[in-house]
Amino acid sequence: MMRYIRYACIALFALALIAVALANRAAVTLKVLPNEVAGLFAVNPSIEMPLFVVIFGGILVGLLVGFIWEWLREFTVRSEAAKSARQVRRLEREVDRLKGEKHEGKDDVLALLDKAG
């Protein structure tokens, strides 16, 4: 049931995006610099494209910047988790080594009693 609800939400979202694209088909000119500043550099590259491409491109760039920002923000959490995992593995090896040393110097009967208890 949840799968159908998810598909319905995706379909509604797709219809909304299609409606936005159809409503914003007019061509717009994108310029790198404002006209006043472009006069100083004597160059002002521009491109014409439909408005919906600009809108969807802005959304896409915003998502990418957000994902990268979050990945960088969580770097310390990931490094601490890796450090803790290394420490756990080291301590487990040490416990295994100490258990092995504990049974090496004892009598066989005492070693069996330690294993049973």
N, C-alpha and C. Protein backbone atom coordinates (compact mmCIF):
# COMPACT_ATOMS: atom_id res chain seq x y z
N MET A 1 0.82 -1.20 0.00
CA MET A 1 0.00 0.00 0.00
C MET A 1 0.86 1.27 0.00
N MET A 2 1.93 1.22 0.81
CA MET A 2 2.81 2.39 0.89
C MET A 2 3.51 2.63 -0.45
N ARG A 3 3.75 1.57 -1.19
CA ARG A 3 4.40 1.72 -2.49
C ARG A 3 3.53 2.53 -3.43
N TYR A 4 2.22 2.26 -3.41
CA TYR A 4 1.30 2.99 -4.28
C TYR A 4 1.19 4.46 -3.88
N ILE A 5 1.22 4.71 -2.59
CA ILE A 5 1.19 6.10 -2.11
C ILE A 5 2.46 6.83 -2.57
N ARG A 6 3.60 6.13 -2.49
CA ARG A 6 4.86 6.73 -2.94
C ARG A 6 4.79 7.03 -4.44
N TYR A 7 4.30 6.08 -5.23
CA TYR A 7 4.17 6.30 -6.68
C TYR A 7 3.22 7.45 -6.98
N ALA A 8 2.14 7.58 -6.23
CA ALA A 8 1.19 8.68 -6.42
C ALA A 8 1.85 10.03 -6.12
N CYS A 9 2.66 10.08 -5.07
CA CYS A 9 3.36 11.33 -4.73
C CYS A 9 4.38 11.68 -5.81
N ILE A 10 5.09 10.69 -6.32
CA ILE A 10 6.06 10.95 -7.39
C ILE A 10 5.34 11.45 -8.64
N ALA A 11 4.19 10.85 -8.95
CA ALA A 11 3.43 11.28 -10.12
C ALA A 11 2.93 12.72 -9.95
N LEU A 12 2.44 13.07 -8.77
CA LEU A 12 1.99 14.45 -8.52
C LEU A 12 3.15 15.43 -8.63
N PHE A 13 4.30 15.05 -8.10
CA PHE A 13 5.48 15.91 -8.19
C PHE A 13 5.89 16.10 -9.65
N ALA A 14 5.87 15.02 -10.42
CA ALA A 14 6.22 15.11 -11.85
C ALA A 14 5.24 16.00 -12.60
N LEU A 15 3.95 15.87 -12.30
CA LEU A 15 2.95 16.73 -12.94
C LEU A 15 3.17 18.20 -12.59
N ALA A 16 3.53 18.46 -11.33
CA ALA A 16 3.79 19.84 -10.92
C ALA A 16 5.01 20.40 -11.66
N LEU A 17 6.05 19.60 -11.81
CA LEU A 17 7.23 20.05 -12.55
C LEU A 17 6.92 20.30 -14.01
N ILE A 18 6.11 19.44 -14.61
CA ILE A 18 5.72 19.62 -16.01
C ILE A 18 4.89 20.90 -16.16
N ALA A 19 3.98 21.15 -15.20
CA ALA A 19 3.16 22.36 -15.26
C ALA A 19 4.04 23.62 -15.14
N VAL A 20 5.03 23.58 -14.26
CA VAL A 20 5.94 24.73 -14.12
C VAL A 20 6.72 24.94 -15.43
N ALA A 21 7.18 23.84 -16.02
CA ALA A 21 7.94 23.95 -17.27
C ALA A 21 7.09 24.51 -18.39
N LEU A 22 5.84 24.06 -18.50
CA LEU A 22 4.97 24.56 -19.57
C LEU A 22 4.58 26.01 -19.36
N ALA A 23 4.45 26.43 -18.10
CA ALA A 23 4.06 27.81 -17.82
C ALA A 23 5.22 28.78 -17.99
N ASN A 24 6.45 28.29 -18.00
CA ASN A 24 7.62 29.16 -18.06
C ASN A 24 8.51 28.81 -19.26
N ARG A 25 7.91 28.76 -20.42
CA ARG A 25 8.65 28.40 -21.64
C ARG A 25 9.30 29.60 -22.32
N ALA A 26 8.99 30.78 -21.87
CA ALA A 26 9.54 31.98 -22.52
C ALA A 26 11.05 32.03 -22.37
N ALA A 27 11.71 32.52 -23.43
CA ALA A 27 13.17 32.61 -23.41
C ALA A 27 13.60 33.82 -22.60
N VAL A 28 14.61 33.63 -21.78
CA VAL A 28 15.20 34.72 -21.00
C VAL A 28 16.69 34.78 -21.31
N THR A 29 17.26 35.95 -21.14
CA THR A 29 18.69 36.13 -21.39
C THR A 29 19.42 36.16 -20.05
N LEU A 30 20.38 35.28 -19.90
CA LEU A 30 21.22 35.27 -18.71
C LEU A 30 22.55 35.92 -19.05
N LYS A 31 22.93 36.91 -18.24
CA LYS A 31 24.20 37.61 -18.44
C LYS A 31 25.09 37.35 -17.24
N VAL A 32 26.39 37.33 -17.49
CA VAL A 32 27.35 37.09 -16.42
C VAL A 32 27.48 38.32 -15.53
N LEU A 33 27.47 39.51 -16.13
CA LEU A 33 27.66 40.76 -15.39
C LEU A 33 26.53 41.73 -15.71
N PRO A 34 26.23 42.63 -14.78
CA PRO A 34 25.27 43.70 -15.10
C PRO A 34 25.84 44.61 -16.20
N ASN A 35 24.96 45.30 -16.93
CA ASN A 35 25.40 46.13 -18.05
C ASN A 35 26.40 47.21 -17.62
N GLU A 36 26.20 47.80 -16.43
CA GLU A 36 27.09 48.86 -15.97
C GLU A 36 28.51 48.33 -15.73
N VAL A 37 28.63 47.17 -15.16
CA VAL A 37 29.93 46.58 -14.87
C VAL A 37 30.55 46.00 -16.15
N ALA A 38 29.72 45.49 -17.04
CA ALA A 38 30.23 44.91 -18.29
C ALA A 38 30.93 45.96 -19.14
N GLY A 39 30.52 47.23 -19.02
CA GLY A 39 31.17 48.29 -19.78
C GLY A 39 32.64 48.47 -19.38
N LEU A 40 32.97 48.17 -18.13
CA LEU A 40 34.35 48.29 -17.66
C LEU A 40 35.24 47.20 -18.27
N PHE A 41 34.69 46.04 -18.47
CA PHE A 41 35.48 44.91 -18.97
C PHE A 41 35.34 44.72 -20.48
N ALA A 42 34.43 45.40 -21.09
CA ALA A 42 34.19 45.35 -22.54
C ALA A 42 33.81 43.96 -23.02
N VAL A 43 33.33 43.14 -22.13
CA VAL A 43 32.84 41.83 -22.52
C VAL A 43 31.71 41.44 -21.56
N ASN A 44 30.66 40.87 -22.09
CA ASN A 44 29.54 40.44 -21.26
C ASN A 44 28.90 39.22 -21.90
N PRO A 45 29.42 38.05 -21.64
CA PRO A 45 28.83 36.85 -22.23
C PRO A 45 27.40 36.65 -21.73
N SER A 46 26.54 36.22 -22.64
CA SER A 46 25.15 35.96 -22.27
C SER A 46 24.65 34.75 -23.05
N ILE A 47 23.55 34.20 -22.56
CA ILE A 47 22.95 33.03 -23.19
C ILE A 47 21.44 33.13 -23.05
N GLU A 48 20.72 32.69 -24.05
CA GLU A 48 19.26 32.66 -23.99
C GLU A 48 18.79 31.23 -23.80
N MET A 49 17.86 31.07 -22.86
CA MET A 49 17.30 29.75 -22.60
C MET A 49 15.92 29.91 -21.99
N PRO A 50 15.12 28.84 -22.00
CA PRO A 50 13.79 28.93 -21.39
C PRO A 50 13.89 29.14 -19.87
N LEU A 51 12.91 29.84 -19.34
CA LEU A 51 12.93 30.17 -17.91
C LEU A 51 12.89 28.92 -17.04
N PHE A 52 12.16 27.88 -17.46
CA PHE A 52 12.07 26.68 -16.61
C PHE A 52 13.44 26.00 -16.47
N VAL A 53 14.31 26.13 -17.47
CA VAL A 53 15.65 25.57 -17.36
C VAL A 53 16.44 26.31 -16.29
N VAL A 54 16.26 27.63 -16.24
CA VAL A 54 16.92 28.43 -15.21
C VAL A 54 16.40 28.04 -13.83
N ILE A 55 15.09 27.88 -13.70
CA ILE A 55 14.49 27.52 -12.41
C ILE A 55 14.99 26.15 -11.95
N PHE A 56 14.89 25.14 -12.83
CA PHE A 56 15.31 23.79 -12.46
C PHE A 56 16.82 23.73 -12.23
N GLY A 57 17.58 24.50 -13.01
CA GLY A 57 19.03 24.55 -12.79
C GLY A 57 19.37 25.13 -11.43
N GLY A 58 18.65 26.17 -11.04
CA GLY A 58 18.86 26.76 -9.72
C GLY A 58 18.54 25.79 -8.60
N ILE A 59 17.45 25.04 -8.77
CA ILE A 59 17.10 24.04 -7.77
C ILE A 59 18.18 22.97 -7.68
N LEU A 60 18.66 22.51 -8.83
CA LEU A 60 19.69 21.48 -8.87
C LEU A 60 20.99 21.96 -8.23
N VAL A 61 21.41 23.18 -8.55
CA VAL A 61 22.63 23.72 -7.96
C VAL A 61 22.46 23.86 -6.44
N GLY A 62 21.31 24.31 -6.00
CA GLY A 62 21.05 24.43 -4.56
C GLY A 62 21.12 23.09 -3.85
N LEU A 63 20.56 22.05 -4.46
CA LEU A 63 20.64 20.72 -3.87
C LEU A 63 22.08 20.24 -3.79
N LEU A 64 22.84 20.43 -4.85
CA LEU A 64 24.24 19.99 -4.85
C LEU A 64 25.05 20.71 -3.79
N VAL A 65 24.87 22.03 -3.68
CA VAL A 65 25.59 22.79 -2.66
C VAL A 65 25.18 22.30 -1.27
N GLY A 66 23.91 22.03 -1.06
CA GLY A 66 23.45 21.52 0.24
C GLY A 66 24.04 20.16 0.57
N PHE A 67 24.09 19.26 -0.40
CA PHE A 67 24.66 17.94 -0.17
C PHE A 67 26.14 18.04 0.17
N ILE A 68 26.87 18.85 -0.57
CA ILE A 68 28.30 19.00 -0.32
C ILE A 68 28.53 19.64 1.05
N TRP A 69 27.75 20.65 1.37
CA TRP A 69 27.87 21.33 2.66
C TRP A 69 27.62 20.34 3.79
N GLU A 70 26.60 19.51 3.69
CA GLU A 70 26.28 18.54 4.73
C GLU A 70 27.37 17.48 4.83
N TRP A 71 27.91 17.04 3.70
CA TRP A 71 28.98 16.04 3.71
C TRP A 71 30.21 16.60 4.43
N LEU A 72 30.55 17.87 4.17
CA LEU A 72 31.69 18.49 4.85
C LEU A 72 31.41 18.69 6.34
N ARG A 73 30.17 19.03 6.67
CA ARG A 73 29.82 19.26 8.07
C ARG A 73 29.92 17.98 8.88
N GLU A 74 29.56 16.84 8.28
CA GLU A 74 29.58 15.57 8.98
C GLU A 74 30.94 14.89 8.96
N PHE A 75 31.96 15.54 8.43
CA PHE A 75 33.29 14.93 8.36
C PHE A 75 33.81 14.56 9.75
N THR A 76 33.62 15.46 10.72
CA THR A 76 34.12 15.17 12.07
C THR A 76 33.40 13.98 12.68
N VAL A 77 32.10 13.86 12.43
CA VAL A 77 31.34 12.72 12.97
C VAL A 77 31.84 11.42 12.36
N ARG A 78 32.08 11.42 11.05
CA ARG A 78 32.58 10.21 10.39
C ARG A 78 33.97 9.85 10.87
N SER A 79 34.83 10.84 11.06
CA SER A 79 36.19 10.54 11.51
C SER A 79 36.19 10.02 12.95
N GLU A 80 35.34 10.56 13.81
CA GLU A 80 35.24 10.06 15.19
C GLU A 80 34.70 8.62 15.20
N ALA A 81 33.74 8.32 14.35
CA ALA A 81 33.21 6.96 14.29
C ALA A 81 34.28 5.98 13.82
N ALA A 82 35.07 6.35 12.84
CA ALA A 82 36.15 5.48 12.37
C ALA A 82 37.20 5.28 13.45
N LYS A 83 37.52 6.36 14.17
CA LYS A 83 38.50 6.26 15.25
C LYS A 83 37.99 5.34 16.36
N SER A 84 36.71 5.45 16.70
CA SER A 84 36.13 4.59 17.72
C SER A 84 36.11 3.14 17.28
N ALA A 85 35.81 2.88 16.01
CA ALA A 85 35.81 1.51 15.50
C ALA A 85 37.21 0.92 15.55
N ARG A 86 38.23 1.69 15.22
CA ARG A 86 39.61 1.20 15.32
C ARG A 86 39.98 0.88 16.76
N GLN A 87 39.54 1.72 17.68
CA GLN A 87 39.84 1.49 19.09
C GLN A 87 39.13 0.24 19.60
N VAL A 88 37.89 0.02 19.17
CA VAL A 88 37.16 -1.18 19.58
C VAL A 88 37.87 -2.43 19.07
N ARG A 89 38.30 -2.41 17.81
CA ARG A 89 39.02 -3.58 17.27
C ARG A 89 40.32 -3.83 18.03
N ARG A 90 41.04 -2.76 18.36
CA ARG A 90 42.28 -2.90 19.10
C ARG A 90 42.03 -3.50 20.48
N LEU A 91 41.00 -3.03 21.17
CA LEU A 91 40.68 -3.53 22.50
C LEU A 91 40.20 -4.98 22.45
N GLU A 92 39.45 -5.35 21.41
CA GLU A 92 39.02 -6.75 21.28
C GLU A 92 40.22 -7.67 21.09
N ARG A 93 41.19 -7.23 20.28
CA ARG A 93 42.41 -8.03 20.10
C ARG A 93 43.17 -8.17 21.41
N GLU A 94 43.21 -7.08 22.18
CA GLU A 94 43.91 -7.13 23.45
C GLU A 94 43.21 -8.06 24.44
N VAL A 95 41.90 -8.05 24.47
CA VAL A 95 41.15 -8.95 25.35
C VAL A 95 41.41 -10.40 24.96
N ASP A 96 41.38 -10.69 23.65
CA ASP A 96 41.67 -12.06 23.21
C ASP A 96 43.08 -12.49 23.60
N ARG A 97 44.04 -11.57 23.45
CA ARG A 97 45.42 -11.89 23.82
C ARG A 97 45.54 -12.15 25.31
N LEU A 98 44.88 -11.32 26.13
CA LEU A 98 44.95 -11.50 27.57
C LEU A 98 44.26 -12.78 28.02
N LYS A 99 43.17 -13.16 27.38
CA LYS A 99 42.52 -14.42 27.70
C LYS A 99 43.43 -15.59 27.39
N GLY A 100 44.16 -15.51 26.28
CA GLY A 100 45.10 -16.56 25.92
C GLY A 100 46.24 -16.65 26.92
N GLU A 101 46.77 -15.51 27.38
CA GLU A 101 47.85 -15.51 28.37
C GLU A 101 47.37 -16.04 29.71
N LYS A 102 46.13 -15.79 30.04
CA LYS A 102 45.58 -16.21 31.33
C LYS A 102 45.59 -17.72 31.45
N HIS A 103 45.29 -18.41 30.35
CA HIS A 103 45.18 -19.87 30.39
C HIS A 103 46.51 -20.57 30.15
N GLU A 104 47.52 -19.87 29.67
CA GLU A 104 48.80 -20.51 29.38
C GLU A 104 49.55 -20.91 30.64
N GLY A 105 49.53 -20.10 31.66
CA GLY A 105 50.35 -20.36 32.85
C GLY A 105 49.66 -21.20 33.91
N LYS A 106 48.46 -21.69 33.70
CA LYS A 106 47.71 -22.42 34.72
C LYS A 106 47.74 -23.91 34.46
N ASP A 107 47.33 -24.57 35.46
CA ASP A 107 47.15 -26.01 35.36
C ASP A 107 45.96 -26.29 34.45
N ASP A 108 45.95 -27.45 33.79
CA ASP A 108 44.86 -27.79 32.87
C ASP A 108 43.52 -27.84 33.58
N VAL A 109 43.50 -28.31 34.80
CA VAL A 109 42.23 -28.41 35.55
C VAL A 109 41.70 -27.01 35.85
N LEU A 110 42.59 -26.12 36.26
CA LEU A 110 42.16 -24.75 36.56
C LEU A 110 41.68 -24.04 35.29
N ALA A 111 42.33 -24.29 34.16
CA ALA A 111 41.91 -23.70 32.89
C ALA A 111 40.52 -24.17 32.50
N LEU A 112 40.24 -25.46 32.71
CA LEU A 112 38.91 -25.99 32.40
C LEU A 112 37.86 -25.39 33.32
N LEU A 113 38.20 -25.20 34.62
CA LEU A 113 37.26 -24.58 35.54
C LEU A 113 36.97 -23.14 35.16
N ASP A 114 37.99 -22.40 34.67
CA ASP A 114 37.79 -21.01 34.24
C ASP A 114 36.88 -20.95 33.01
N LYS A 115 37.05 -21.92 32.10
CA LYS A 115 36.20 -21.94 30.91
C LYS A 115 34.76 -22.25 31.29
N ALA A 116 34.54 -23.12 32.24
CA ALA A 116 33.19 -23.51 32.66
C ALA A 116 32.53 -22.38 33.42
N GLY A 117 33.28 -21.57 34.11
CA GLY A 117 32.70 -20.53 34.97
C GLY A 117 32.59 -19.24 34.34
